[in-house]
Structure formats: C-alpha cells, structure tokens
Amino acid sequence: MASKRYRKALEQLDAKKTYPLKSAVDVLTKFPKAKFNETIDLAFRLGVDPKQSDQMVRGTVPLPHGSGKVVRVLVFAKSGPASEAARTAGAEYVGFEDMIKKCQEGWSDFDVAIATPEAMSEVRKLGKVPRLSRKSKPAASSSRSTRRATSTFPSARPPSAAPKSRKTPAP
C-alpha cells in the first residue's frame, strides 16, 4: 500500500508524459518533503555499445556544489610555486619531507594524496607503508598542476580510488 506522501506526489505527475530536465526538476521541487535526505537517480541513454572497447565511457565529473563530504587533501610538493598553488587551491596539508616522515610514522588522516612529479621519487617509497598503498582508502594521484588537481579532486571523486556510481543529495 502506498503512503499518503507517495499518492500526493503521483497526483502532481503525469506518468505518460516525458519531461525535459528543467521542468522535471520543477515538478520534483513541488513534491511533498520527506523526513530524511532525499536523493535523485539520473539515468542517461548515451547511445553507445559498452561491449565495444572504442565506445567505453569513463571518467569523473565535478559536481557544481561538491559531493557534500569534506575531503582532506594532502599535497606532496617541494616548497615553491607548486606548494603555494596547492595552498591557495585549498589543500589541508602541504609539504614534502615533513609530510613523508609523518606518513612513514603511520599518519593517514587524509582522504586524497596528490604528488608533483618531482616528489614522486620519494612518495613512491610510501607504497610500502600498509595504510598508504594505492588500494587503501587514501586515494593517490600525480599531477603537474597542483592547483587544478587540488581544487577538482574533492568535488570530482568519492574518497576511494575507484570511481563508483553515487547518489547525490537533492538541494
């Protein structure tokens, strides 16, 4: 048996009609509110055959207001323009030798680790530390543009290394 809230929502919706995105969002905002964080699932028909290797669709998309989770970003960069760019982009932790030493001692209070190519020779050694391997929770990446990587990583990906489908709370 359907709830009163569900029946009230169905009255506002024409099930046989296909709605364009803008009017669909307008209809959704008029639905009765629930007592929990509501989510919306979107499905897109891309017209590609996923069995064909040249038609695979992969990637991440930065959400306009982030995922709603606070992502702590660690940037391994030697002092200079790369570390300054990471700081201005919002990285919580920026450093090189001090951060490497801290991680070797077992510290892993971050979600995403980004390293400049110059720092990778030393950061690579941290793969032997069990909590910091790439398959564990802190995701790792190497990037030449620390500003771009630091600002897009938190909004683009969940705090795990592998991209997964996700439900995003409705505003």
N, C-alpha and C. Protein backbone atom coordinates (compact mmCIF):
# COMPACT_ATOMS: atom_id res chain seq x y z
N MET A 1 0.84 -1.18 0.00
CA MET A 1 0.00 0.00 0.00
C MET A 1 0.89 1.24 0.00
N ALA A 2 0.58 2.18 -0.86
CA ALA A 2 1.37 3.40 -0.99
C ALA A 2 1.04 4.39 0.12
N SER A 3 2.04 5.14 0.52
CA SER A 3 1.86 6.13 1.59
C SER A 3 1.10 7.35 1.06
N LYS A 4 0.64 8.18 2.00
CA LYS A 4 -0.08 9.41 1.63
C LYS A 4 0.84 10.34 0.86
N ARG A 5 2.08 10.40 1.29
CA ARG A 5 3.06 11.26 0.63
C ARG A 5 3.27 10.82 -0.83
N TYR A 6 3.38 9.53 -1.05
CA TYR A 6 3.59 8.99 -2.40
C TYR A 6 2.36 9.25 -3.28
N ARG A 7 1.18 9.04 -2.72
CA ARG A 7 -0.05 9.29 -3.50
C ARG A 7 -0.18 10.76 -3.86
N LYS A 8 0.19 11.64 -2.93
CA LYS A 8 0.12 13.08 -3.19
C LYS A 8 1.11 13.47 -4.29
N ALA A 9 2.29 12.84 -4.29
CA ALA A 9 3.29 13.12 -5.33
C ALA A 9 2.80 12.63 -6.69
N LEU A 10 2.13 11.48 -6.73
CA LEU A 10 1.63 10.95 -8.00
C LEU A 10 0.56 11.84 -8.61
N GLU A 11 -0.19 12.55 -7.78
CA GLU A 11 -1.22 13.46 -8.30
C GLU A 11 -0.59 14.60 -9.09
N GLN A 12 0.59 15.00 -8.74
CA GLN A 12 1.26 16.12 -9.41
C GLN A 12 2.03 15.70 -10.65
N LEU A 13 2.06 14.41 -10.94
CA LEU A 13 2.90 13.89 -12.01
C LEU A 13 2.05 13.20 -13.06
N ASP A 14 2.32 13.46 -14.32
CA ASP A 14 1.68 12.74 -15.42
C ASP A 14 2.64 11.64 -15.86
N ALA A 15 2.32 10.38 -15.53
CA ALA A 15 3.22 9.25 -15.75
C ALA A 15 3.47 8.97 -17.24
N LYS A 16 2.55 9.40 -18.11
CA LYS A 16 2.70 9.12 -19.53
C LYS A 16 3.50 10.20 -20.26
N LYS A 17 3.78 11.28 -19.57
CA LYS A 17 4.47 12.41 -20.18
C LYS A 17 5.97 12.30 -19.94
N THR A 18 6.76 12.67 -20.94
CA THR A 18 8.21 12.77 -20.79
C THR A 18 8.55 14.22 -20.53
N TYR A 19 9.26 14.46 -19.44
CA TYR A 19 9.57 15.83 -19.03
C TYR A 19 10.99 16.21 -19.43
N PRO A 20 11.17 17.43 -19.96
CA PRO A 20 12.55 17.92 -20.13
C PRO A 20 13.16 18.16 -18.76
N LEU A 21 14.48 18.21 -18.68
CA LEU A 21 15.18 18.29 -17.41
C LEU A 21 14.71 19.45 -16.53
N LYS A 22 14.59 20.63 -17.09
CA LYS A 22 14.22 21.81 -16.31
C LYS A 22 12.83 21.66 -15.69
N SER A 23 11.85 21.20 -16.47
CA SER A 23 10.51 21.06 -15.92
C SER A 23 10.42 19.86 -14.98
N ALA A 24 11.25 18.82 -15.19
CA ALA A 24 11.28 17.68 -14.27
C ALA A 24 11.77 18.11 -12.90
N VAL A 25 12.77 18.97 -12.86
CA VAL A 25 13.27 19.48 -11.59
C VAL A 25 12.21 20.34 -10.91
N ASP A 26 11.48 21.14 -11.69
CA ASP A 26 10.40 21.95 -11.13
C ASP A 26 9.32 21.07 -10.50
N VAL A 27 8.96 19.98 -11.16
CA VAL A 27 7.97 19.05 -10.62
C VAL A 27 8.49 18.41 -9.35
N LEU A 28 9.76 18.01 -9.34
CA LEU A 28 10.34 17.38 -8.16
C LEU A 28 10.35 18.30 -6.95
N THR A 29 10.59 19.57 -7.16
CA THR A 29 10.63 20.51 -6.04
C THR A 29 9.25 20.73 -5.44
N LYS A 30 8.19 20.45 -6.19
CA LYS A 30 6.83 20.61 -5.68
C LYS A 30 6.34 19.38 -4.93
N PHE A 31 7.09 18.27 -5.00
CA PHE A 31 6.70 17.06 -4.28
C PHE A 31 6.73 17.30 -2.78
N PRO A 32 5.90 16.59 -2.01
CA PRO A 32 5.96 16.71 -0.56
C PRO A 32 7.33 16.28 -0.04
N LYS A 33 7.81 16.97 0.98
CA LYS A 33 9.15 16.70 1.52
C LYS A 33 9.11 15.50 2.46
N ALA A 34 10.22 14.77 2.50
CA ALA A 34 10.37 13.63 3.40
C ALA A 34 11.13 14.06 4.65
N LYS A 35 11.21 13.17 5.63
CA LYS A 35 11.90 13.46 6.88
C LYS A 35 13.34 12.98 6.85
N PHE A 36 13.90 12.75 5.68
CA PHE A 36 15.28 12.29 5.53
C PHE A 36 15.88 12.99 4.32
N ASN A 37 17.17 12.82 4.11
CA ASN A 37 17.83 13.41 2.94
C ASN A 37 17.40 12.66 1.70
N GLU A 38 16.72 13.33 0.83
CA GLU A 38 16.21 12.71 -0.39
C GLU A 38 17.30 12.71 -1.47
N THR A 39 17.25 11.72 -2.34
CA THR A 39 18.20 11.64 -3.44
C THR A 39 17.45 11.45 -4.75
N ILE A 40 18.12 11.76 -5.83
CA ILE A 40 17.56 11.59 -7.16
C ILE A 40 18.56 10.77 -7.97
N ASP A 41 18.07 9.74 -8.64
CA ASP A 41 18.92 8.95 -9.52
C ASP A 41 18.67 9.39 -10.96
N LEU A 42 19.73 9.65 -11.68
CA LEU A 42 19.62 10.03 -13.08
C LEU A 42 20.18 8.92 -13.94
N ALA A 43 19.50 8.62 -15.03
CA ALA A 43 19.99 7.64 -15.99
C ALA A 43 20.02 8.33 -17.36
N PHE A 44 21.12 8.16 -18.05
CA PHE A 44 21.30 8.78 -19.36
C PHE A 44 21.42 7.71 -20.42
N ARG A 45 20.73 7.88 -21.51
CA ARG A 45 20.86 6.99 -22.65
C ARG A 45 21.86 7.64 -23.59
N LEU A 46 23.06 7.05 -23.64
CA LEU A 46 24.15 7.65 -24.41
C LEU A 46 24.23 7.14 -25.84
N GLY A 47 23.58 6.04 -26.11
CA GLY A 47 23.60 5.51 -27.47
C GLY A 47 24.93 4.88 -27.85
N VAL A 48 25.63 4.31 -26.87
CA VAL A 48 26.89 3.64 -27.15
C VAL A 48 26.76 2.17 -26.78
N ASP A 49 27.60 1.35 -27.38
CA ASP A 49 27.63 -0.07 -27.08
C ASP A 49 28.79 -0.33 -26.12
N PRO A 50 28.51 -0.62 -24.85
CA PRO A 50 29.61 -0.77 -23.88
C PRO A 50 30.48 -1.99 -24.14
N LYS A 51 30.04 -2.89 -24.98
CA LYS A 51 30.84 -4.08 -25.29
C LYS A 51 31.96 -3.75 -26.27
N GLN A 52 31.83 -2.64 -26.97
CA GLN A 52 32.86 -2.21 -27.90
C GLN A 52 33.88 -1.36 -27.14
N SER A 53 35.14 -1.74 -27.23
CA SER A 53 36.17 -1.04 -26.45
C SER A 53 36.34 0.42 -26.85
N ASP A 54 36.07 0.78 -28.09
CA ASP A 54 36.24 2.17 -28.51
C ASP A 54 35.05 3.04 -28.12
N GLN A 55 33.99 2.44 -27.55
CA GLN A 55 32.82 3.20 -27.16
C GLN A 55 32.61 3.24 -25.64
N MET A 56 33.62 2.84 -24.90
CA MET A 56 33.51 2.85 -23.45
C MET A 56 33.45 4.29 -22.95
N VAL A 57 32.64 4.55 -21.95
CA VAL A 57 32.52 5.87 -21.37
C VAL A 57 33.04 5.78 -19.94
N ARG A 58 34.12 6.49 -19.65
CA ARG A 58 34.71 6.51 -18.32
C ARG A 58 35.10 7.93 -17.97
N GLY A 59 35.20 8.18 -16.72
CA GLY A 59 35.64 9.49 -16.29
C GLY A 59 34.89 9.93 -15.05
N THR A 60 35.24 11.09 -14.59
CA THR A 60 34.59 11.67 -13.43
C THR A 60 34.11 13.06 -13.80
N VAL A 61 33.10 13.51 -13.11
CA VAL A 61 32.53 14.82 -13.38
C VAL A 61 32.50 15.60 -12.08
N PRO A 62 33.08 16.78 -12.04
CA PRO A 62 32.98 17.57 -10.82
C PRO A 62 31.55 18.07 -10.64
N LEU A 63 31.01 17.87 -9.46
CA LEU A 63 29.67 18.34 -9.18
C LEU A 63 29.73 19.82 -8.84
N PRO A 64 28.71 20.59 -9.22
CA PRO A 64 28.79 22.04 -9.04
C PRO A 64 28.93 22.48 -7.58
N HIS A 65 28.37 21.71 -6.65
CA HIS A 65 28.47 22.07 -5.24
C HIS A 65 29.17 20.98 -4.44
N GLY A 66 29.98 20.17 -5.11
CA GLY A 66 30.71 19.10 -4.43
C GLY A 66 29.81 17.94 -4.09
N SER A 67 30.34 16.97 -3.40
CA SER A 67 29.57 15.78 -3.03
C SER A 67 28.93 15.92 -1.67
N GLY A 68 29.20 17.01 -0.98
CA GLY A 68 28.65 17.20 0.35
C GLY A 68 29.58 16.67 1.44
N LYS A 69 30.62 15.96 1.06
CA LYS A 69 31.57 15.43 2.04
C LYS A 69 32.80 16.31 2.07
N VAL A 70 33.37 16.46 3.25
CA VAL A 70 34.61 17.21 3.38
C VAL A 70 35.76 16.27 3.05
N VAL A 71 36.55 16.62 2.06
CA VAL A 71 37.66 15.79 1.63
C VAL A 71 38.96 16.48 2.04
N ARG A 72 39.77 15.79 2.82
CA ARG A 72 41.04 16.35 3.27
C ARG A 72 42.12 15.97 2.26
N VAL A 73 42.75 16.98 1.68
CA VAL A 73 43.72 16.78 0.61
C VAL A 73 45.13 17.02 1.14
N LEU A 74 46.01 16.06 0.84
CA LEU A 74 47.44 16.16 1.17
C LEU A 74 48.20 16.31 -0.14
N VAL A 75 49.05 17.31 -0.22
CA VAL A 75 49.85 17.53 -1.42
C VAL A 75 51.33 17.41 -1.05
N PHE A 76 52.01 16.48 -1.73
CA PHE A 76 53.45 16.34 -1.58
C PHE A 76 54.10 17.23 -2.63
N ALA A 77 54.67 18.34 -2.19
CA ALA A 77 55.32 19.27 -3.12
C ALA A 77 56.45 19.97 -2.39
N LYS A 78 57.56 20.13 -3.10
CA LYS A 78 58.67 20.89 -2.53
C LYS A 78 58.27 22.35 -2.48
N SER A 79 58.85 23.09 -1.54
CA SER A 79 58.47 24.49 -1.39
C SER A 79 58.77 25.25 -2.68
N GLY A 80 57.84 26.09 -3.06
CA GLY A 80 57.96 26.84 -4.30
C GLY A 80 56.58 27.11 -4.86
N PRO A 81 56.51 27.33 -6.17
CA PRO A 81 55.21 27.68 -6.77
C PRO A 81 54.18 26.55 -6.68
N ALA A 82 54.62 25.29 -6.73
CA ALA A 82 53.66 24.18 -6.67
C ALA A 82 53.01 24.10 -5.30
N SER A 83 53.78 24.27 -4.24
CA SER A 83 53.19 24.21 -2.90
C SER A 83 52.30 25.42 -2.63
N GLU A 84 52.68 26.58 -3.13
CA GLU A 84 51.85 27.78 -2.96
C GLU A 84 50.53 27.62 -3.72
N ALA A 85 50.59 27.05 -4.92
CA ALA A 85 49.37 26.82 -5.70
C ALA A 85 48.44 25.85 -4.98
N ALA A 86 49.01 24.83 -4.36
CA ALA A 86 48.19 23.86 -3.62
C ALA A 86 47.53 24.51 -2.42
N ARG A 87 48.27 25.37 -1.71
CA ARG A 87 47.71 26.05 -0.54
C ARG A 87 46.56 26.98 -0.95
N THR A 88 46.75 27.74 -2.04
CA THR A 88 45.70 28.65 -2.47
C THR A 88 44.49 27.90 -3.00
N ALA A 89 44.70 26.69 -3.51
CA ALA A 89 43.57 25.90 -4.02
C ALA A 89 42.81 25.20 -2.91
N GLY A 90 43.35 25.21 -1.68
CA GLY A 90 42.59 24.67 -0.56
C GLY A 90 43.07 23.35 0.01
N ALA A 91 44.29 22.96 -0.25
CA ALA A 91 44.81 21.72 0.33
C ALA A 91 44.99 21.89 1.84
N GLU A 92 44.56 20.89 2.59
CA GLU A 92 44.70 20.97 4.05
C GLU A 92 46.15 20.82 4.49
N TYR A 93 46.85 19.89 3.85
CA TYR A 93 48.23 19.59 4.24
C TYR A 93 49.12 19.72 3.01
N VAL A 94 50.16 20.52 3.11
CA VAL A 94 51.12 20.69 2.03
C VAL A 94 52.51 20.60 2.62
N GLY A 95 53.35 19.79 2.00
CA GLY A 95 54.72 19.66 2.48
C GLY A 95 55.43 18.59 1.69
N PHE A 96 56.68 18.38 2.03
CA PHE A 96 57.45 17.35 1.32
C PHE A 96 58.10 16.43 2.35
N GLU A 97 59.27 16.78 2.84
CA GLU A 97 59.98 15.89 3.76
C GLU A 97 59.22 15.70 5.07
N ASP A 98 58.63 16.78 5.59
CA ASP A 98 57.90 16.65 6.85
C ASP A 98 56.68 15.75 6.71
N MET A 99 55.96 15.85 5.59
CA MET A 99 54.78 15.01 5.37
C MET A 99 55.17 13.56 5.09
N ILE A 100 56.27 13.36 4.38
CA ILE A 100 56.74 11.99 4.12
C ILE A 100 57.10 11.32 5.44
N LYS A 101 57.80 12.05 6.30
CA LYS A 101 58.19 11.50 7.60
C LYS A 101 56.95 11.18 8.43
N LYS A 102 55.99 12.08 8.41
CA LYS A 102 54.76 11.89 9.17
C LYS A 102 54.00 10.64 8.69
N CYS A 103 53.95 10.45 7.36
CA CYS A 103 53.26 9.28 6.79
C CYS A 103 54.00 7.99 7.11
N GLN A 104 55.33 8.03 7.12
CA GLN A 104 56.11 6.84 7.46
C GLN A 104 55.88 6.43 8.91
N GLU A 105 55.54 7.39 9.75
CA GLU A 105 55.26 7.09 11.15
C GLU A 105 53.84 6.55 11.35
N GLY A 106 53.05 6.48 10.27
CA GLY A 106 51.72 5.88 10.36
C GLY A 106 50.56 6.85 10.27
N TRP A 107 50.83 8.13 10.07
CA TRP A 107 49.76 9.11 9.96
C TRP A 107 49.03 8.95 8.63
N SER A 108 47.72 8.88 8.67
CA SER A 108 46.95 8.79 7.43
C SER A 108 45.62 9.52 7.58
N ASP A 109 45.64 10.68 8.17
CA ASP A 109 44.44 11.46 8.42
C ASP A 109 44.12 12.37 7.22
N PHE A 110 44.00 11.77 6.04
CA PHE A 110 43.66 12.49 4.82
C PHE A 110 42.91 11.54 3.91
N ASP A 111 42.21 12.09 2.93
CA ASP A 111 41.42 11.28 2.01
C ASP A 111 42.08 11.15 0.64
N VAL A 112 42.76 12.21 0.20
CA VAL A 112 43.37 12.22 -1.13
C VAL A 112 44.80 12.71 -1.01
N ALA A 113 45.72 11.99 -1.65
CA ALA A 113 47.12 12.42 -1.69
C ALA A 113 47.48 12.76 -3.13
N ILE A 114 48.05 13.92 -3.33
CA ILE A 114 48.47 14.36 -4.66
C ILE A 114 49.96 14.68 -4.57
N ALA A 115 50.72 14.22 -5.55
CA ALA A 115 52.16 14.46 -5.55
C ALA A 115 52.58 15.10 -6.86
N THR A 116 53.50 16.04 -6.79
CA THR A 116 54.08 16.60 -8.01
C THR A 116 55.05 15.57 -8.58
N PRO A 117 55.31 15.61 -9.87
CA PRO A 117 56.25 14.64 -10.46
C PRO A 117 57.63 14.66 -9.79
N GLU A 118 58.08 15.83 -9.34
CA GLU A 118 59.38 15.91 -8.67
C GLU A 118 59.37 15.17 -7.33
N ALA A 119 58.24 15.13 -6.67
CA ALA A 119 58.13 14.49 -5.36
C ALA A 119 57.87 12.99 -5.46
N MET A 120 57.49 12.51 -6.63
CA MET A 120 57.10 11.10 -6.76
C MET A 120 58.23 10.13 -6.43
N SER A 121 59.49 10.50 -6.66
CA SER A 121 60.59 9.59 -6.36
C SER A 121 60.62 9.24 -4.87
N GLU A 122 60.29 10.18 -4.01
CA GLU A 122 60.26 9.92 -2.57
C GLU A 122 58.90 9.37 -2.12
N VAL A 123 57.83 9.88 -2.72
CA VAL A 123 56.49 9.44 -2.33
C VAL A 123 56.27 7.98 -2.71
N ARG A 124 56.90 7.55 -3.78
CA ARG A 124 56.78 6.17 -4.24
C ARG A 124 57.16 5.19 -3.13
N LYS A 125 58.08 5.56 -2.29
CA LYS A 125 58.54 4.69 -1.20
C LYS A 125 57.46 4.49 -0.15
N LEU A 126 56.50 5.39 -0.09
CA LEU A 126 55.41 5.25 0.89
C LEU A 126 54.45 4.13 0.53
N GLY A 127 54.53 3.60 -0.68
CA GLY A 127 53.68 2.48 -1.07
C GLY A 127 53.92 1.25 -0.22
N LYS A 128 55.06 1.18 0.43
CA LYS A 128 55.38 0.05 1.30
C LYS A 128 54.69 0.18 2.66
N VAL A 129 54.27 1.39 3.01
CA VAL A 129 53.54 1.59 4.27
C VAL A 129 52.13 1.05 4.06
N PRO A 130 51.70 0.05 4.84
CA PRO A 130 50.43 -0.63 4.57
C PRO A 130 49.22 0.28 4.44
N ARG A 131 49.10 1.29 5.28
CA ARG A 131 47.92 2.15 5.23
C ARG A 131 47.94 3.13 4.06
N LEU A 132 49.06 3.25 3.38
CA LEU A 132 49.15 4.25 2.32
C LEU A 132 49.29 3.66 0.93
N SER A 133 49.04 2.37 0.78
CA SER A 133 49.11 1.80 -0.56
C SER A 133 47.95 2.35 -1.39
N ARG A 134 48.05 2.36 -2.69
CA ARG A 134 47.06 2.99 -3.56
C ARG A 134 45.70 2.31 -3.47
N LYS A 135 45.67 1.04 -3.05
CA LYS A 135 44.41 0.32 -3.00
C LYS A 135 43.64 0.63 -1.72
N SER A 136 44.28 1.24 -0.75
CA SER A 136 43.60 1.54 0.51
C SER A 136 42.82 2.84 0.39
N LYS A 137 42.20 3.24 1.48
CA LYS A 137 41.30 4.38 1.44
C LYS A 137 41.89 5.67 0.89
N PRO A 138 43.04 6.13 1.35
CA PRO A 138 43.54 7.39 0.77
C PRO A 138 43.88 7.20 -0.71
N ALA A 139 43.18 7.91 -1.57
CA ALA A 139 43.45 7.83 -3.00
C ALA A 139 44.72 8.61 -3.31
N ALA A 140 45.42 8.20 -4.35
CA ALA A 140 46.68 8.87 -4.69
C ALA A 140 46.68 9.26 -6.16
N SER A 141 47.39 10.34 -6.46
CA SER A 141 47.48 10.82 -7.82
C SER A 141 48.75 11.64 -7.97
N SER A 142 49.25 11.69 -9.20
CA SER A 142 50.38 12.54 -9.52
C SER A 142 49.92 13.57 -10.53
N SER A 143 50.28 14.82 -10.32
CA SER A 143 49.81 15.87 -11.22
C SER A 143 50.84 16.98 -11.32
N ARG A 144 50.97 17.54 -12.54
CA ARG A 144 51.85 18.69 -12.74
C ARG A 144 51.18 19.97 -12.25
N SER A 145 49.87 20.05 -12.40
CA SER A 145 49.13 21.25 -11.98
C SER A 145 48.51 20.99 -10.61
N THR A 146 49.21 21.36 -9.55
CA THR A 146 48.70 21.09 -8.21
C THR A 146 47.46 21.92 -7.91
N ARG A 147 47.36 23.11 -8.46
CA ARG A 147 46.17 23.94 -8.22
C ARG A 147 44.93 23.26 -8.79
N ARG A 148 44.99 22.81 -10.03
CA ARG A 148 43.83 22.17 -10.66
C ARG A 148 43.49 20.86 -9.97
N ALA A 149 44.48 20.05 -9.67
CA ALA A 149 44.23 18.76 -9.03
C ALA A 149 43.65 18.93 -7.64
N THR A 150 44.16 19.89 -6.89
CA THR A 150 43.68 20.12 -5.53
C THR A 150 42.25 20.63 -5.52
N SER A 151 41.91 21.48 -6.46
CA SER A 151 40.55 22.04 -6.45
C SER A 151 39.52 21.10 -7.06
N THR A 152 39.90 20.25 -8.01
CA THR A 152 38.91 19.38 -8.63
C THR A 152 38.77 18.03 -7.96
N PHE A 153 39.80 17.55 -7.27
CA PHE A 153 39.73 16.22 -6.67
C PHE A 153 38.60 16.07 -5.67
N PRO A 154 38.41 16.99 -4.72
CA PRO A 154 37.34 16.80 -3.75
C PRO A 154 35.95 16.77 -4.35
N SER A 155 35.69 17.57 -5.37
CA SER A 155 34.35 17.60 -5.92
C SER A 155 34.13 16.55 -7.00
N ALA A 156 35.20 16.00 -7.54
CA ALA A 156 35.04 15.08 -8.65
C ALA A 156 34.91 13.64 -8.24
N ARG A 157 35.57 13.22 -7.20
CA ARG A 157 35.64 11.80 -6.90
C ARG A 157 35.26 11.53 -5.46
N PRO A 158 34.71 10.33 -5.24
CA PRO A 158 34.49 9.93 -3.85
C PRO A 158 35.82 9.66 -3.19
N PRO A 159 35.89 9.54 -1.86
CA PRO A 159 37.16 9.36 -1.19
C PRO A 159 37.79 8.00 -1.38
N SER A 160 37.43 7.24 -2.37
CA SER A 160 38.11 5.99 -2.66
C SER A 160 38.74 6.11 -4.03
N ALA A 161 39.69 5.23 -4.33
CA ALA A 161 40.46 5.37 -5.57
C ALA A 161 39.64 5.04 -6.80
N ALA A 162 38.74 4.08 -6.72
CA ALA A 162 37.98 3.64 -7.88
C ALA A 162 36.71 4.46 -8.03
N PRO A 163 36.41 4.96 -9.25
CA PRO A 163 35.17 5.69 -9.43
C PRO A 163 33.98 4.75 -9.28
N LYS A 164 32.99 5.16 -8.53
CA LYS A 164 31.80 4.35 -8.31
C LYS A 164 30.58 5.19 -8.62
N SER A 165 29.45 4.52 -8.90
CA SER A 165 28.23 5.29 -9.09
C SER A 165 27.82 5.80 -7.72
N ARG A 166 27.23 6.97 -7.68
CA ARG A 166 26.89 7.55 -6.41
C ARG A 166 25.55 8.27 -6.49
N LYS A 167 24.92 8.35 -5.36
CA LYS A 167 23.70 9.11 -5.26
C LYS A 167 24.06 10.43 -4.59
N THR A 168 23.55 11.51 -5.14
CA THR A 168 23.87 12.82 -4.63
C THR A 168 22.62 13.42 -4.02
N PRO A 169 22.70 13.96 -2.81
CA PRO A 169 21.51 14.54 -2.17
C PRO A 169 20.96 15.69 -2.99
N ALA A 170 19.65 15.76 -3.05
CA ALA A 170 19.00 16.86 -3.76
C ALA A 170 19.12 18.13 -2.93
N PRO A 171 19.25 19.30 -3.58
CA PRO A 171 19.38 20.55 -2.81
C PRO A 171 18.11 20.90 -2.09
